[in-house]
Amino acid sequence: QVRLVESGGGLVQAGASLRLSCAGSGRTFSQDNMGWFRRAPGKEREFTAAINWKDTNTYYADSVKGRFTISRDNAKNTVYLQMNSLKPEDTAVYYCASDSLARGPISNTYTWGYNYWGQGTQVTVSS
């Protein structure tokens, strides 16, 4: 069974940092493009960050650029999202996803650009 499991969420104060992890199992994700999305209360799921399978390019939503960093460790079948300088508006459920077709940077900003999803981890940032 193919699974993506997120961890590392929690409740923090504004300005703090968190690192989310997404561990894959059931298959290797080393040739998948990987992404992070988030869904804030009352809003649609939105693109946050993506990394290509070659680990040569990363992409970010404007709202997190300069504060969040996506990375991957293919030996551990894991992708990370380092989140610094957190703001209350970063409060959301964060989901990781994999694109086994390696569709490309534009497709990977849309939910339809992925075929495997995790269950999500809650991040709450208090002011």
C-alpha atoms as a PDB file:
ATOM      1  CA  GLN A   1       0.000   0.000   0.000  1.00  0.00           C
ATOM      2  CA  VAL A   2       1.395   3.370  -1.028  1.00  0.00           C
ATOM      3  CA  ARG A   3       1.351   5.914   1.769  1.00  0.00           C
ATOM      4  CA  LEU A   4       2.557   9.412   2.528  1.00  0.00           C
ATOM      5  CA  VAL A   5       2.571  10.315   6.206  1.00  0.00           C
ATOM      6  CA  GLU A   6       3.137  13.862   7.401  1.00  0.00           C
ATOM      7  CA  SER A   7       4.484  14.762  10.825  1.00  0.00           C
ATOM      8  CA  GLY A   8       5.941  17.724  12.683  1.00  0.00           C
ATOM      9  CA  GLY A   9       2.921  19.963  12.947  1.00  0.00           C
ATOM     10  CA  GLY A  10       1.894  21.670  16.146  1.00  0.00           C
ATOM     11  CA  LEU A  11       0.984  24.863  17.951  1.00  0.00           C
ATOM     12  CA  VAL A  12       3.616  27.612  17.933  1.00  0.00           C
ATOM     13  CA  GLN A  13       3.803  31.361  18.448  1.00  0.00           C
ATOM     14  CA  ALA A  14       4.303  33.823  15.642  1.00  0.00           C
ATOM     15  CA  GLY A  15       7.951  34.046  14.636  1.00  0.00           C
ATOM     16  CA  ALA A  16       8.720  30.453  15.531  1.00  0.00           C
ATOM     17  CA  SER A  17       9.892  27.666  13.228  1.00  0.00           C
ATOM     18  CA  LEU A  18       8.654  24.188  12.457  1.00  0.00           C
ATOM     19  CA  ARG A  19       9.910  21.434  10.213  1.00  0.00           C
ATOM     20  CA  LEU A  20       7.365  19.172   8.612  1.00  0.00           C
ATOM     21  CA  SER A  21       8.317  15.740   7.360  1.00  0.00           C
ATOM     22  CA  CYS A  22       6.573  13.524   4.849  1.00  0.00           C
ATOM     23  CA  ALA A  23       7.633   9.886   4.832  1.00  0.00           C
ATOM     24  CA  GLY A  24       6.718   7.708   1.908  1.00  0.00           C
ATOM     25  CA  SER A  25       6.223   3.968   1.960  1.00  0.00           C
ATOM     26  CA  GLY A  26       5.012   1.262  -0.381  1.00  0.00           C
ATOM     27  CA  ARG A  27       7.110   2.478  -3.305  1.00  0.00           C
ATOM     28  CA  THR A  28      10.108   4.689  -3.939  1.00  0.00           C
ATOM     29  CA  PHE A  29       9.405   8.369  -4.508  1.00  0.00           C
ATOM     30  CA  SER A  30      12.902   9.206  -5.719  1.00  0.00           C
ATOM     31  CA  GLN A  31      11.688   9.887  -9.256  1.00  0.00           C
ATOM     32  CA  ASP A  32       8.561  11.778  -8.215  1.00  0.00           C
ATOM     33  CA  ASN A  33       8.152  15.500  -8.061  1.00  0.00           C
ATOM     34  CA  MET A  34       7.007  16.294  -4.534  1.00  0.00           C
ATOM     35  CA  GLY A  35       4.867  19.101  -3.202  1.00  0.00           C
ATOM     36  CA  TRP A  36       3.339  20.659  -0.132  1.00  0.00           C
ATOM     37  CA  PHE A  37      -0.112  22.183  -0.058  1.00  0.00           C
ATOM     38  CA  ARG A  38      -2.099  23.695   2.774  1.00  0.00           C
ATOM     39  CA  ARG A  39      -5.727  24.311   3.574  1.00  0.00           C
ATOM     40  CA  ALA A  40      -6.638  27.101   5.947  1.00  0.00           C
ATOM     41  CA  PRO A  41     -10.032  27.093   7.692  1.00  0.00           C
ATOM     42  CA  GLY A  42     -12.776  27.976   5.236  1.00  0.00           C
ATOM     43  CA  LYS A  43     -10.420  28.057   2.262  1.00  0.00           C
ATOM     44  CA  GLU A  44      -9.456  25.822  -0.615  1.00  0.00           C
ATOM     45  CA  ARG A  45      -6.307  23.737  -0.599  1.00  0.00           C
ATOM     46  CA  GLU A  46      -3.508  25.904  -1.975  1.00  0.00           C
ATOM     47  CA  PHE A  47      -0.056  25.290  -3.360  1.00  0.00           C
ATOM     48  CA  THR A  48       2.782  25.994  -0.954  1.00  0.00           C
ATOM     49  CA  ALA A  49       6.021  24.488  -2.295  1.00  0.00           C
ATOM     50  CA  ALA A  50       7.339  21.887  -4.722  1.00  0.00           C
ATOM     51  CA  ILE A  51      10.614  20.204  -5.569  1.00  0.00           C
ATOM     52  CA  ASN A  52      11.491  18.293  -8.698  1.00  0.00           C
ATOM     53  CA  TRP A  53      12.630  14.689  -8.678  1.00  0.00           C
ATOM     54  CA  LYS A  54      16.172  15.639  -9.628  1.00  0.00           C
ATOM     55  CA  ASP A  55      16.380  17.859  -6.539  1.00  0.00           C
ATOM     56  CA  THR A  56      17.589  20.709  -8.740  1.00  0.00           C
ATOM     57  CA  ASN A  57      14.611  23.066  -8.669  1.00  0.00           C
ATOM     58  CA  THR A  58      12.229  24.297  -6.015  1.00  0.00           C
ATOM     59  CA  TYR A  59       9.109  26.431  -6.331  1.00  0.00           C
ATOM     60  CA  TYR A  60       7.184  28.430  -3.766  1.00  0.00           C
ATOM     61  CA  ALA A  61       3.972  30.319  -3.355  1.00  0.00           C
ATOM     62  CA  ASP A  62       4.612  34.046  -3.032  1.00  0.00           C
ATOM     63  CA  SER A  63       3.144  33.988   0.468  1.00  0.00           C
ATOM     64  CA  VAL A  64       5.905  31.710   1.789  1.00  0.00           C
ATOM     65  CA  LYS A  65       8.851  32.615  -0.429  1.00  0.00           C
ATOM     66  CA  GLY A  66      11.896  33.478   1.664  1.00  0.00           C
ATOM     67  CA  ARG A  67      10.449  31.858   4.801  1.00  0.00           C
ATOM     68  CA  PHE A  68       9.808  28.218   3.806  1.00  0.00           C
ATOM     69  CA  THR A  69      12.257  25.733   2.310  1.00  0.00           C
ATOM     70  CA  ILE A  70      11.369  22.424   0.714  1.00  0.00           C
ATOM     71  CA  SER A  71      13.967  19.666   0.564  1.00  0.00           C
ATOM     72  CA  ARG A  72      14.137  15.932   0.059  1.00  0.00           C
ATOM     73  CA  ASP A  73      16.165  12.945   1.151  1.00  0.00           C
ATOM     74  CA  ASN A  74      15.623  10.182  -1.380  1.00  0.00           C
ATOM     75  CA  ALA A  75      17.592   7.693   0.700  1.00  0.00           C
ATOM     76  CA  LYS A  76      14.920   8.103   3.380  1.00  0.00           C
ATOM     77  CA  ASN A  77      12.045   8.450   0.930  1.00  0.00           C
ATOM     78  CA  THR A  78      11.198  11.665   2.756  1.00  0.00           C
ATOM     79  CA  VAL A  79      10.457  15.269   1.868  1.00  0.00           C
ATOM     80  CA  TYR A  80      10.659  18.164   4.307  1.00  0.00           C
ATOM     81  CA  LEU A  81       9.207  21.627   4.673  1.00  0.00           C
ATOM     82  CA  GLN A  82      11.219  23.953   6.884  1.00  0.00           C
ATOM     83  CA  MET A  83       8.999  26.812   7.976  1.00  0.00           C
ATOM     84  CA  ASN A  84      10.587  29.880   9.544  1.00  0.00           C
ATOM     85  CA  SER A  85       9.156  33.195  10.726  1.00  0.00           C
ATOM     86  CA  LEU A  86       5.717  31.667  10.992  1.00  0.00           C
ATOM     87  CA  LYS A  87       2.704  33.950  10.895  1.00  0.00           C
ATOM     88  CA  PRO A  88      -0.858  33.429  12.109  1.00  0.00           C
ATOM     89  CA  GLU A  89      -1.967  33.307   8.475  1.00  0.00           C
ATOM     90  CA  ASP A  90       0.178  30.186   8.021  1.00  0.00           C
ATOM     91  CA  THR A  91      -2.309  28.312  10.206  1.00  0.00           C
ATOM     92  CA  ALA A  92      -3.589  25.408   8.130  1.00  0.00           C
ATOM     93  CA  VAL A  93      -3.553  21.682   7.595  1.00  0.00           C
ATOM     94  CA  TYR A  94      -0.434  20.898   5.572  1.00  0.00           C
ATOM     95  CA  TYR A  95      -0.463  18.077   3.042  1.00  0.00           C
ATOM     96  CA  CYS A  96       2.360  16.502   1.111  1.00  0.00           C
ATOM     97  CA  ALA A  97       1.839  14.997  -2.307  1.00  0.00           C
ATOM     98  CA  SER A  98       3.782  13.142  -4.959  1.00  0.00           C
ATOM     99  CA  ASP A  99       3.640  13.361  -8.719  1.00  0.00           C
ATOM    100  CA  SER A 100       4.831  10.050 -10.148  1.00  0.00           C
ATOM    101  CA  LEU A 101       4.595  11.425 -13.693  1.00  0.00           C
ATOM    102  CA  ALA A 102       6.982  14.316 -12.952  1.00  0.00           C
ATOM    103  CA  ARG A 103       4.601  16.632 -14.789  1.00  0.00           C
ATOM    104  CA  GLY A 104       6.515  19.858 -14.316  1.00  0.00           C
ATOM    105  CA  PRO A 105       6.526  23.124 -12.340  1.00  0.00           C
ATOM    106  CA  ILE A 106       3.263  24.573 -13.635  1.00  0.00           C
ATOM    107  CA  SER A 107       1.264  21.386 -13.170  1.00  0.00           C
ATOM    108  CA  ASN A 108       2.798  20.936  -9.749  1.00  0.00           C
ATOM    109  CA  THR A 109       1.139  24.103  -8.488  1.00  0.00           C
ATOM    110  CA  TYR A 110      -2.263  22.448  -8.877  1.00  0.00           C
ATOM    111  CA  THR A 111      -3.791  19.638  -6.843  1.00  0.00           C
ATOM    112  CA  TRP A 112      -4.526  17.696 -10.042  1.00  0.00           C
ATOM    113  CA  GLY A 113      -0.781  17.613 -10.696  1.00  0.00           C
ATOM    114  CA  TYR A 114      -0.323  14.924  -8.022  1.00  0.00           C
ATOM    115  CA  ASN A 115      -1.513  11.367  -7.678  1.00  0.00           C
ATOM    116  CA  TYR A 116      -0.609  10.473  -4.088  1.00  0.00           C
ATOM    117  CA  TRP A 117      -1.569  12.468  -1.001  1.00  0.00           C
ATOM    118  CA  GLY A 118      -0.954  12.300   2.714  1.00  0.00           C
ATOM    119  CA  GLN A 119      -3.589  12.819   5.391  1.00  0.00           C
ATOM    120  CA  GLY A 120      -2.202  16.146   6.553  1.00  0.00           C
ATOM    121  CA  THR A 121      -0.735  17.634   9.704  1.00  0.00           C
ATOM    122  CA  GLN A 122      -2.133  20.619  11.575  1.00  0.00           C
ATOM    123  CA  VAL A 123      -0.043  23.750  12.007  1.00  0.00           C
ATOM    124  CA  THR A 124      -1.422  26.453  14.259  1.00  0.00           C
ATOM    125  CA  VAL A 125       0.372  29.779  14.714  1.00  0.00           C
ATOM    126  CA  SER A 126      -0.804  32.020  17.524  1.00  0.00           C
ATOM    127  CA  SER A 127      -0.285  35.775  17.546  1.00  0.00           C
END
